[in-house]
Amino acid sequence: MTKTAARPLLTLRNLAFGRGEALSAPISLEVSPGKILTILGSNGRGKTTLLDTIASILHPLSGDICRYARIGFVPQQFSTTLAYSVLDIVLMGRAREIGTFELPKPEDEAAAMKALRRLGLEDLADRDFRRLSGGQQQLVVIARELAGGAELLLLDEPTATLDLKRQETVLSLMESLAARGTGIIFTTHEPLHAGLVADDALLMLPGEKSLYGSADKILTPENLFEAYGVRIDAVAGKGAGRLISDFEIRRGNLPQP
């Protein structure tokens, strides 16, 4: 008996995206349950704009987005002027279950605390969210989406403001979630992180070009040099590896004041 392949959580077909004009040639890709897709590229290539489009914050310029899953979006920054506790923020992820004008039930608080524990944040549950560091705030927002039962997580540079230990925590969490069937799309400027956890990669290149495919085929030194203009001597493989960037530091090239 032939085993039927799982339906993708997300499919993009000839998607053109941007804020007024397209930032890339049309893109086609899909994310299946349990798979991790990384998006890399230098600043201004449209990584965040693409996530905003997938999350329905922006409308596509053309092409199709087929969403077959509950999507959770974790932006680079999330702020509030109100005195919400960390637990309050995470409970916001339960909005679909709680309903309008209803109070959180014990099972909602249990789900929120479970999400905080997964990220080692349970001791911060009663803290004022505004008093946390930027890295801690981003982890809390990840916990919010986990508490809401997201089947596809969109993470915009989830390790950018974290110390090394927290980076390892988030990367390990991605692997753990994927093993349970959650799909993940994350942007990063760290090819090492991409190589460690990603199954597939979308590499945004100059000239509105992009490369998409399995991470081990896309994250090559040649392709990364085209994307960043920096030579990469080694690229990590999924689960283990190392990365050496061959920076060439030149003195005396700054303009005179």
Protein backbone atom coordinates (compact mmCIF):
# COMPACT_ATOMS: atom_id res chain seq x y z
CA MET A 1 0.00 0.00 0.00
CA THR A 2 1.44 3.36 -1.01
CA LYS A 3 1.92 5.84 1.82
CA THR A 4 0.31 9.22 1.10
CA ALA A 5 2.60 12.20 1.57
CA ALA A 6 1.53 14.72 4.21
CA ARG A 7 -0.10 17.85 2.84
CA PRO A 8 2.19 20.89 3.09
CA LEU A 9 1.49 23.42 5.80
CA LEU A 10 2.30 26.23 3.38
CA THR A 11 2.75 26.57 -0.36
CA LEU A 12 3.95 29.64 -2.27
CA ARG A 13 3.36 29.69 -6.01
CA ASN A 14 5.12 32.34 -8.10
CA LEU A 15 4.85 34.77 -5.20
CA ALA A 16 5.96 38.34 -5.81
CA PHE A 17 6.21 40.42 -2.64
CA GLY A 18 7.33 43.86 -1.55
CA ARG A 19 6.17 47.22 -0.27
CA GLY A 20 5.11 48.74 -3.56
CA GLU A 21 7.55 47.00 -5.88
CA ALA A 22 8.82 43.44 -5.94
CA LEU A 23 11.95 42.72 -3.91
CA SER A 24 12.67 39.44 -5.67
CA ALA A 25 11.78 37.42 -8.71
CA PRO A 26 8.66 35.29 -8.03
CA ILE A 27 9.26 32.57 -5.44
CA SER A 28 7.77 29.09 -5.22
CA LEU A 29 8.31 26.82 -2.22
CA GLU A 30 6.55 24.67 0.33
CA VAL A 31 6.92 23.77 4.00
CA SER A 32 5.76 20.36 5.19
CA PRO A 33 5.04 19.21 8.76
CA GLY A 34 8.23 18.72 10.74
CA LYS A 35 10.41 20.64 8.29
CA ILE A 36 12.55 23.71 8.96
CA LEU A 37 13.09 26.32 6.25
CA THR A 38 15.68 29.06 6.72
CA ILE A 39 15.74 32.34 4.81
CA LEU A 40 19.09 34.09 4.46
CA GLY A 41 20.35 37.15 2.63
CA SER A 42 22.02 40.48 3.26
CA ASN A 43 20.12 43.47 4.62
CA GLY A 44 17.38 44.82 2.38
CA ARG A 45 16.80 41.63 0.40
CA GLY A 46 13.24 41.21 1.72
CA LYS A 47 13.47 38.49 4.36
CA THR A 48 11.21 40.25 6.86
CA THR A 49 8.89 41.47 4.10
CA LEU A 50 8.44 37.89 2.92
CA LEU A 51 7.51 36.75 6.43
CA ASP A 52 5.09 39.68 6.76
CA THR A 53 3.46 38.58 3.50
CA ILE A 54 3.15 34.95 4.61
CA ALA A 55 1.66 36.15 7.92
CA SER A 56 -0.98 38.26 6.07
CA ILE A 57 0.44 41.53 7.39
CA LEU A 58 1.16 42.52 3.78
CA HIS A 59 -0.70 41.57 0.62
CA PRO A 60 1.21 39.71 -2.09
CA LEU A 61 1.89 41.67 -5.27
CA SER A 62 1.06 38.60 -7.34
CA GLY A 63 1.05 34.83 -7.09
CA ASP A 64 -0.57 32.55 -4.54
CA ILE A 65 -0.13 31.75 -0.85
CA CYS A 66 -1.86 28.56 0.27
CA ARG A 67 -2.01 28.25 4.06
CA TYR A 68 -3.11 24.92 5.50
CA ALA A 69 -2.11 25.43 9.13
CA ARG A 70 -2.45 27.71 12.13
CA ILE A 71 0.40 30.20 11.79
CA GLY A 72 2.28 31.82 14.66
CA PHE A 73 4.46 34.86 13.92
CA VAL A 74 7.33 36.07 16.12
CA PRO A 75 8.65 39.44 14.87
CA GLN A 76 12.09 40.83 15.64
CA GLN A 77 10.57 43.29 18.09
CA PHE A 78 7.39 43.27 20.12
CA SER A 79 6.62 46.11 22.53
CA THR A 80 3.76 47.36 24.65
CA THR A 81 3.20 50.45 26.76
CA LEU A 82 0.85 48.58 29.11
CA ALA A 83 1.93 46.83 32.29
CA TYR A 84 1.36 43.26 31.14
CA SER A 85 3.07 40.47 33.01
CA VAL A 86 5.01 37.84 31.11
CA LEU A 87 2.20 35.38 31.78
CA ASP A 88 -0.34 37.87 30.40
CA ILE A 89 1.63 38.12 27.14
CA VAL A 90 1.82 34.35 26.75
CA LEU A 91 -1.90 33.99 27.51
CA MET A 92 -2.59 36.24 24.51
CA GLY A 93 -1.65 33.25 22.41
CA ARG A 94 -4.70 31.47 23.80
CA ALA A 95 -7.11 34.09 22.44
CA ARG A 96 -8.79 31.63 20.05
CA GLU A 97 -9.54 29.26 22.92
CA ILE A 98 -10.51 31.84 25.54
CA GLY A 99 -13.04 33.74 23.46
CA THR A 100 -14.28 37.31 23.64
CA PHE A 101 -15.08 38.70 27.12
CA GLU A 102 -14.08 35.44 28.79
CA LEU A 103 -11.39 34.92 31.42
CA PRO A 104 -8.57 32.41 30.96
CA LYS A 105 -9.42 28.95 32.24
CA PRO A 106 -7.03 26.77 34.27
CA GLU A 107 -6.12 24.84 31.13
CA ASP A 108 -5.17 28.11 29.40
CA GLU A 109 -2.83 29.08 32.23
CA ALA A 110 -1.41 25.55 32.25
CA ALA A 111 -0.65 25.79 28.52
CA ALA A 112 0.98 29.19 29.02
CA MET A 113 3.17 27.97 31.88
CA LYS A 114 4.15 24.88 29.90
CA ALA A 115 5.33 27.11 27.05
CA LEU A 116 7.34 29.26 29.48
CA ARG A 117 8.97 26.19 31.01
CA ARG A 118 10.05 24.94 27.60
CA LEU A 119 12.08 28.12 27.22
CA GLY A 120 13.31 28.27 30.80
CA LEU A 121 11.23 31.37 31.54
CA GLU A 122 8.86 30.11 34.23
CA ASP A 123 10.56 32.23 36.92
CA LEU A 124 9.69 35.36 34.93
CA ALA A 125 5.94 34.67 34.75
CA ASP A 126 5.00 37.52 37.10
CA ARG A 127 7.57 40.02 35.82
CA ASP A 128 6.56 43.17 33.94
CA PHE A 129 7.15 42.36 30.27
CA ARG A 130 8.46 45.89 29.64
CA ARG A 131 11.31 45.35 32.13
CA LEU A 132 12.80 42.41 30.25
CA SER A 133 15.74 42.58 27.89
CA GLY A 134 15.03 42.50 24.17
CA GLY A 135 16.21 38.90 23.98
CA GLN A 136 13.98 37.84 26.85
CA GLN A 137 11.01 39.60 25.29
CA GLN A 138 11.49 37.72 22.04
CA LEU A 139 11.60 34.40 23.90
CA VAL A 140 8.35 35.32 25.65
CA VAL A 141 6.69 35.99 22.28
CA ILE A 142 7.89 32.59 21.07
CA ALA A 143 6.25 31.10 24.17
CA ARG A 144 3.04 32.98 23.30
CA GLU A 145 2.85 31.30 19.90
CA LEU A 146 3.65 27.88 21.37
CA ALA A 147 0.84 28.30 23.90
CA GLY A 148 -1.52 29.12 21.02
CA GLY A 149 -0.83 25.81 19.31
CA ALA A 150 0.83 27.18 16.18
CA GLU A 151 1.38 24.47 13.56
CA LEU A 152 3.68 26.67 11.48
CA LEU A 153 6.02 29.11 13.23
CA LEU A 154 7.45 32.17 11.49
CA LEU A 155 10.51 33.45 13.38
CA ASP A 156 12.18 36.68 12.27
CA GLU A 157 15.85 36.51 13.34
CA PRO A 158 15.00 34.64 16.56
CA THR A 159 18.60 34.49 17.83
CA ALA A 160 19.78 37.97 16.84
CA THR A 161 19.58 39.50 20.34
CA LEU A 162 20.34 36.39 22.39
CA ASP A 163 23.48 35.32 24.22
CA LEU A 164 25.15 32.09 23.14
CA LYS A 165 23.33 29.86 25.62
CA ARG A 166 19.92 31.24 24.64
CA GLN A 167 20.82 30.82 20.97
CA GLU A 168 21.46 27.15 21.63
CA THR A 169 18.14 26.94 23.51
CA VAL A 170 16.18 28.39 20.59
CA LEU A 171 17.91 26.23 17.98
CA SER A 172 17.29 23.12 20.10
CA LEU A 173 13.66 24.18 20.53
CA MET A 174 13.26 24.40 16.75
CA GLU A 175 14.57 20.85 16.39
CA SER A 176 12.27 19.62 19.17
CA LEU A 177 9.20 21.28 17.67
CA ALA A 178 10.00 19.98 14.20
CA ALA A 179 10.34 16.46 15.59
CA ARG A 180 6.74 16.80 16.83
CA GLY A 181 5.47 17.91 13.43
CA THR A 182 5.61 21.70 13.68
CA GLY A 183 6.78 23.50 10.55
CA ILE A 184 9.24 26.35 11.04
CA ILE A 185 10.41 29.22 8.85
CA PHE A 186 13.13 31.42 10.30
CA THR A 187 15.26 34.24 8.96
CA THR A 188 18.86 34.64 10.02
CA HIS A 189 22.19 36.25 9.20
CA GLU A 190 23.97 33.23 10.71
CA PRO A 191 24.74 30.53 8.12
CA LEU A 192 25.99 28.34 10.98
CA HIS A 193 22.55 28.35 12.62
CA ALA A 194 20.89 27.69 9.27
CA GLY A 195 23.17 24.78 8.53
CA LEU A 196 22.70 23.24 11.96
CA VAL A 197 18.91 22.97 11.94
CA ALA A 198 17.45 23.71 8.50
CA ASP A 199 16.16 21.09 6.09
CA ASP A 200 15.64 23.60 3.29
CA ALA A 201 16.98 27.07 2.53
CA LEU A 202 15.92 30.13 0.58
CA LEU A 203 18.95 32.30 -0.14
CA MET A 204 18.19 35.85 -1.30
CA LEU A 205 20.83 37.11 -3.73
CA PRO A 206 21.67 40.47 -5.33
CA GLY A 207 19.83 41.35 -8.50
CA GLU A 208 16.43 40.15 -7.18
CA LYS A 209 17.56 36.53 -7.53
CA SER A 210 17.10 33.69 -5.06
CA LEU A 211 18.07 30.06 -4.62
CA TYR A 212 15.78 27.48 -3.01
CA GLY A 213 16.36 23.83 -2.19
CA SER A 214 17.78 21.49 0.41
CA ALA A 215 20.02 23.34 2.85
CA ASP A 216 23.09 21.23 2.11
CA LYS A 217 22.82 22.09 -1.59
CA ILE A 218 22.10 25.81 -1.12
CA LEU A 219 24.41 26.75 1.77
CA THR A 220 27.66 26.29 -0.09
CA PRO A 221 30.68 28.60 0.23
CA GLU A 222 30.15 29.76 -3.35
CA ASN A 223 26.48 30.64 -2.87
CA LEU A 224 27.10 32.35 0.48
CA PHE A 225 29.87 34.44 -1.05
CA GLU A 226 27.45 35.56 -3.76
CA ALA A 227 24.91 36.49 -1.09
CA TYR A 228 27.20 38.23 1.41
CA GLY A 229 30.49 38.98 -0.34
CA VAL A 230 32.37 37.14 2.43
CA ARG A 231 34.28 33.91 1.89
CA ILE A 232 33.06 30.98 3.96
CA ASP A 233 35.62 28.23 4.51
CA ALA A 234 33.28 25.66 6.05
CA VAL A 235 29.53 25.26 6.37
CA ALA A 236 27.81 23.25 9.09
CA GLY A 237 25.80 20.16 8.33
CA LYS A 238 22.43 19.53 9.94
CA GLY A 239 22.94 18.65 13.59
CA ALA A 240 26.65 19.45 13.80
CA GLY A 241 29.42 21.37 12.15
CA ARG A 242 31.42 24.56 12.15
CA LEU A 243 31.64 27.75 10.13
CA ILE A 244 34.71 29.85 9.42
CA SER A 245 34.22 33.28 7.87
CA ASP A 246 37.32 34.55 6.09
CA PHE A 247 37.02 38.25 6.92
CA GLU A 248 39.55 40.54 5.28
CA ILE A 249 40.03 43.51 7.58
CA ARG A 250 41.49 46.57 5.88
CA ARG A 251 42.76 49.61 7.74
CA GLY A 252 42.57 53.16 6.57
CA ASN A 253 39.55 52.76 4.28
CA LEU A 254 37.16 54.93 6.27
CA PRO A 255 36.44 58.41 4.90
CA GLN A 256 38.21 61.23 6.71
CA PRO A 257 35.97 63.30 9.03
